Amino acid sequence: MHKHGDEVHVNDTEASGGRKTGAMRWVLGVSLLLAIIAMSAVWIIPALFS
């Protein structure tokens, strides 16, 4: 981080404040898949017994 007059400049690493491992992408993908399976089960199982 450095100042240039009244402006403060930071690089990408300092601005993000963390690592970019891609783990959140996996968490969101698995959660989406589980939600689709659960919603499909709620719809399909009652339809089978009607």
PDB file of N, CA and C in Angstrom:
ATOM      1  N   MET A   1       0.853  -1.157   0.000  1.00  0.00           N
ATOM      2  CA  MET A   1       0.000   0.000   0.000  1.00  0.00           C
ATOM      3  C   MET A   1       0.906   1.229   0.000  1.00  0.00           C
ATOM      4  N   HIS A   2       0.532   2.164  -0.833  1.00  0.00           N
ATOM      5  CA  HIS A   2       1.272   3.417  -0.840  1.00  0.00           C
ATOM      6  C   HIS A   2       0.312   4.577  -1.108  1.00  0.00           C
ATOM      7  N   LYS A   3       0.718   5.740  -0.651  1.00  0.00           N
ATOM      8  CA  LYS A   3      -0.101   6.935  -0.825  1.00  0.00           C
ATOM      9  C   LYS A   3       0.469   7.769  -1.950  1.00  0.00           C
ATOM     10  N   HIS A   4      -0.426   8.346  -2.718  1.00  0.00           N
ATOM     11  CA  HIS A   4      -0.047   9.260  -3.782  1.00  0.00           C
ATOM     12  C   HIS A   4      -0.929  10.492  -3.617  1.00  0.00           C
ATOM     13  N   GLY A   5      -0.438  11.468  -2.872  1.00  0.00           N
ATOM     14  CA  GLY A   5      -1.259  12.623  -2.514  1.00  0.00           C
ATOM     15  C   GLY A   5      -2.277  12.207  -1.478  1.00  0.00           C
ATOM     16  N   ASP A   6      -3.542  12.448  -1.751  1.00  0.00           N
ATOM     17  CA  ASP A   6      -4.610  12.043  -0.843  1.00  0.00           C
ATOM     18  C   ASP A   6      -5.133  10.652  -1.160  1.00  0.00           C
ATOM     19  N   GLU A   7      -4.660  10.030  -2.231  1.00  0.00           N
ATOM     20  CA  GLU A   7      -5.137   8.722  -2.651  1.00  0.00           C
ATOM     21  C   GLU A   7      -4.294   7.611  -2.043  1.00  0.00           C
ATOM     22  N   VAL A   8      -4.955   6.527  -1.688  1.00  0.00           N
ATOM     23  CA  VAL A   8      -4.274   5.337  -1.181  1.00  0.00           C
ATOM     24  C   VAL A   8      -4.412   4.256  -2.239  1.00  0.00           C
ATOM     25  N   HIS A   9      -3.306   3.683  -2.663  1.00  0.00           N
ATOM     26  CA  HIS A   9      -3.303   2.644  -3.690  1.00  0.00           C
ATOM     27  C   HIS A   9      -2.930   1.311  -3.058  1.00  0.00           C
ATOM     28  N   VAL A  10      -3.742   0.276  -3.333  1.00  0.00           N
ATOM     29  CA  VAL A  10      -3.457  -1.064  -2.845  1.00  0.00           C
ATOM     30  C   VAL A  10      -3.470  -2.016  -4.032  1.00  0.00           C
ATOM     31  N   ASN A  11      -2.707  -3.108  -3.910  1.00  0.00           N
ATOM     32  CA  ASN A  11      -2.715  -4.100  -4.989  1.00  0.00           C
ATOM     33  C   ASN A  11      -3.837  -5.113  -4.753  1.00  0.00           C
ATOM     34  N   ASP A  12      -3.986  -6.063  -5.677  1.00  0.00           N
ATOM     35  CA  ASP A  12      -5.092  -7.034  -5.604  1.00  0.00           C
ATOM     36  C   ASP A  12      -5.058  -7.870  -4.334  1.00  0.00           C
ATOM     37  N   THR A  13      -3.873  -8.327  -3.930  1.00  0.00           N
ATOM     38  CA  THR A  13      -3.752  -9.176  -2.744  1.00  0.00           C
ATOM     39  C   THR A  13      -4.149  -8.429  -1.485  1.00  0.00           C
ATOM     40  N   GLU A  14      -3.711  -7.207  -1.363  1.00  0.00           N
ATOM     41  CA  GLU A  14      -4.069  -6.418  -0.186  1.00  0.00           C
ATOM     42  C   GLU A  14      -5.560  -6.094  -0.159  1.00  0.00           C
ATOM     43  N   ALA A  15      -6.152  -5.861  -1.295  1.00  0.00           N
ATOM     44  CA  ALA A  15      -7.572  -5.505  -1.350  1.00  0.00           C
ATOM     45  C   ALA A  15      -8.457  -6.701  -1.032  1.00  0.00           C
ATOM     46  N   SER A  16      -8.086  -7.895  -1.483  1.00  0.00           N
ATOM     47  CA  SER A  16      -8.933  -9.059  -1.252  1.00  0.00           C
ATOM     48  C   SER A  16      -8.835  -9.547   0.186  1.00  0.00           C
ATOM     49  N   GLY A  17      -7.712  -9.396   0.798  1.00  0.00           N
ATOM     50  CA  GLY A  17      -7.551  -9.783   2.193  1.00  0.00           C
ATOM     51  C   GLY A  17      -7.560 -11.281   2.424  1.00  0.00           C
ATOM     52  N   GLY A  18      -7.361 -12.071   1.415  1.00  0.00           N
ATOM     53  CA  GLY A  18      -7.372 -13.514   1.598  1.00  0.00           C
ATOM     54  C   GLY A  18      -6.766 -14.236   0.420  1.00  0.00           C
ATOM     55  N   ARG A  19      -6.875 -15.555   0.469  1.00  0.00           N
ATOM     56  CA  ARG A  19      -6.350 -16.388  -0.609  1.00  0.00           C
ATOM     57  C   ARG A  19      -7.447 -16.680  -1.615  1.00  0.00           C
ATOM     58  N   LYS A  20      -7.060 -16.953  -2.828  1.00  0.00           N
ATOM     59  CA  LYS A  20      -8.009 -17.304  -3.878  1.00  0.00           C
ATOM     60  C   LYS A  20      -7.771 -18.758  -4.255  1.00  0.00           C
ATOM     61  N   THR A  21      -8.373 -19.666  -3.462  1.00  0.00           N
ATOM     62  CA  THR A  21      -8.138 -21.096  -3.668  1.00  0.00           C
ATOM     63  C   THR A  21      -9.185 -21.741  -4.558  1.00  0.00           C
ATOM     64  N   GLY A  22     -10.333 -21.119  -4.730  1.00  0.00           N
ATOM     65  CA  GLY A  22     -11.405 -21.710  -5.527  1.00  0.00           C
ATOM     66  C   GLY A  22     -12.274 -22.664  -4.727  1.00  0.00           C
ATOM     67  N   ALA A  23     -12.078 -22.756  -3.425  1.00  0.00           N
ATOM     68  CA  ALA A  23     -12.864 -23.674  -2.598  1.00  0.00           C
ATOM     69  C   ALA A  23     -14.326 -23.253  -2.549  1.00  0.00           C
ATOM     70  N   MET A  24     -14.598 -21.973  -2.568  1.00  0.00           N
ATOM     71  CA  MET A  24     -15.985 -21.511  -2.502  1.00  0.00           C
ATOM     72  C   MET A  24     -16.756 -21.950  -3.738  1.00  0.00           C
ATOM     73  N   ARG A  25     -16.087 -22.037  -4.875  1.00  0.00           N
ATOM     74  CA  ARG A  25     -16.744 -22.514  -6.098  1.00  0.00           C
ATOM     75  C   ARG A  25     -17.234 -23.935  -5.915  1.00  0.00           C
ATOM     76  N   TRP A  26     -16.434 -24.786  -5.260  1.00  0.00           N
ATOM     77  CA  TRP A  26     -16.833 -26.169  -5.003  1.00  0.00           C
ATOM     78  C   TRP A  26     -17.996 -26.232  -4.027  1.00  0.00           C
ATOM     79  N   VAL A  27     -17.949 -25.412  -2.986  1.00  0.00           N
ATOM     80  CA  VAL A  27     -19.025 -25.392  -1.993  1.00  0.00           C
ATOM     81  C   VAL A  27     -20.334 -24.990  -2.655  1.00  0.00           C
ATOM     82  N   LEU A  28     -20.303 -23.953  -3.489  1.00  0.00           N
ATOM     83  CA  LEU A  28     -21.518 -23.503  -4.163  1.00  0.00           C
ATOM     84  C   LEU A  28     -22.019 -24.543  -5.154  1.00  0.00           C
ATOM     85  N   GLY A  29     -21.118 -25.195  -5.861  1.00  0.00           N
ATOM     86  CA  GLY A  29     -21.520 -26.223  -6.820  1.00  0.00           C
ATOM     87  C   GLY A  29     -22.168 -27.418  -6.155  1.00  0.00           C
ATOM     88  N   VAL A  30     -21.576 -27.891  -5.068  1.00  0.00           N
ATOM     89  CA  VAL A  30     -22.135 -29.036  -4.349  1.00  0.00           C
ATOM     90  C   VAL A  30     -23.469 -28.665  -3.716  1.00  0.00           C
ATOM     91  N   SER A  31     -23.565 -27.462  -3.166  1.00  0.00           N
ATOM     92  CA  SER A  31     -24.826 -27.014  -2.575  1.00  0.00           C
ATOM     93  C   SER A  31     -25.930 -26.930  -3.624  1.00  0.00           C
ATOM     94  N   LEU A  32     -25.602 -26.430  -4.801  1.00  0.00           N
ATOM     95  CA  LEU A  32     -26.578 -26.355  -5.878  1.00  0.00           C
ATOM     96  C   LEU A  32     -27.044 -27.745  -6.285  1.00  0.00           C
ATOM     97  N   LEU A  33     -26.118 -28.673  -6.405  1.00  0.00           N
ATOM     98  CA  LEU A  33     -26.468 -30.043  -6.767  1.00  0.00           C
ATOM     99  C   LEU A  33     -27.372 -30.685  -5.712  1.00  0.00           C
ATOM    100  N   LEU A  34     -27.054 -30.511  -4.444  1.00  0.00           N
ATOM    101  CA  LEU A  34     -27.886 -31.063  -3.368  1.00  0.00           C
ATOM    102  C   LEU A  34     -29.270 -30.428  -3.348  1.00  0.00           C
ATOM    103  N   ALA A  35     -29.353 -29.133  -3.624  1.00  0.00           N
ATOM    104  CA  ALA A  35     -30.652 -28.468  -3.661  1.00  0.00           C
ATOM    105  C   ALA A  35     -31.499 -29.002  -4.812  1.00  0.00           C
ATOM    106  N   ILE A  36     -30.895 -29.234  -5.964  1.00  0.00           N
ATOM    107  CA  ILE A  36     -31.632 -29.784  -7.105  1.00  0.00           C
ATOM    108  C   ILE A  36     -32.135 -31.185  -6.800  1.00  0.00           C
ATOM    109  N   ILE A  37     -31.297 -32.011  -6.182  1.00  0.00           N
ATOM    110  CA  ILE A  37     -31.700 -33.375  -5.819  1.00  0.00           C
ATOM    111  C   ILE A  37     -32.841 -33.345  -4.809  1.00  0.00           C
ATOM    112  N   ALA A  38     -32.744 -32.486  -3.795  1.00  0.00           N
ATOM    113  CA  ALA A  38     -33.787 -32.409  -2.774  1.00  0.00           C
ATOM    114  C   ALA A  38     -35.107 -31.925  -3.371  1.00  0.00           C
ATOM    115  N   MET A  39     -35.058 -30.908  -4.219  1.00  0.00           N
ATOM    116  CA  MET A  39     -36.287 -30.397  -4.826  1.00  0.00           C
ATOM    117  C   MET A  39     -36.901 -31.422  -5.772  1.00  0.00           C
ATOM    118  N   SER A  40     -36.074 -32.153  -6.482  1.00  0.00           N
ATOM    119  CA  SER A  40     -36.583 -33.203  -7.365  1.00  0.00           C
ATOM    120  C   SER A  40     -37.238 -34.318  -6.563  1.00  0.00           C
ATOM    121  N   ALA A  41     -36.645 -34.691  -5.438  1.00  0.00           N
ATOM    122  CA  ALA A  41     -37.219 -35.738  -4.595  1.00  0.00           C
ATOM    123  C   ALA A  41     -38.567 -35.303  -4.036  1.00  0.00           C
ATOM    124  N   VAL A  42     -38.686 -34.054  -3.631  1.00  0.00           N
ATOM    125  CA  VAL A  42     -39.949 -33.543  -3.096  1.00  0.00           C
ATOM    126  C   VAL A  42     -41.031 -33.570  -4.173  1.00  0.00           C
ATOM    127  N   TRP A  43     -40.659 -33.405  -5.409  1.00  0.00           N
ATOM    128  CA  TRP A  43     -41.625 -33.397  -6.505  1.00  0.00           C
ATOM    129  C   TRP A  43     -41.921 -34.810  -7.022  1.00  0.00           C
ATOM    130  N   ILE A  44     -40.898 -35.644  -7.152  1.00  0.00           N
ATOM    131  CA  ILE A  44     -41.058 -36.963  -7.790  1.00  0.00           C
ATOM    132  C   ILE A  44     -41.694 -37.977  -6.853  1.00  0.00           C
ATOM    133  N   ILE A  45     -41.274 -38.038  -5.597  1.00  0.00           N
ATOM    134  CA  ILE A  45     -41.767 -39.070  -4.677  1.00  0.00           C
ATOM    135  C   ILE A  45     -43.281 -38.989  -4.483  1.00  0.00           C
ATOM    136  N   PRO A  46     -43.860 -37.817  -4.227  1.00  0.00           N
ATOM    137  CA  PRO A  46     -45.330 -37.771  -4.120  1.00  0.00           C
ATOM    138  C   PRO A  46     -46.034 -38.115  -5.445  1.00  0.00           C
ATOM    139  N   ALA A  47     -45.409 -37.797  -6.560  1.00  0.00           N
ATOM    140  CA  ALA A  47     -46.023 -38.095  -7.861  1.00  0.00           C
ATOM    141  C   ALA A  47     -46.072 -39.613  -8.094  1.00  0.00           C
ATOM    142  N   LEU A  48     -45.146 -40.343  -7.541  1.00  0.00           N
ATOM    143  CA  LEU A  48     -45.122 -41.803  -7.708  1.00  0.00           C
ATOM    144  C   LEU A  48     -46.264 -42.484  -6.956  1.00  0.00           C
ATOM    145  N   PHE A  49     -46.681 -41.910  -5.840  1.00  0.00           N
ATOM    146  CA  PHE A  49     -47.684 -42.536  -4.994  1.00  0.00           C
ATOM    147  C   PHE A  49     -49.087 -41.942  -5.191  1.00  0.00           C
ATOM    148  N   SER A  50     -49.272 -41.121  -6.192  1.00  0.00           N
ATOM    149  CA  SER A  50     -50.587 -40.529  -6.446  1.00  0.00           C
ATOM    150  C   SER A  50     -51.384 -41.372  -7.400  1.00  0.00           C
TER     151      SER A  50
END
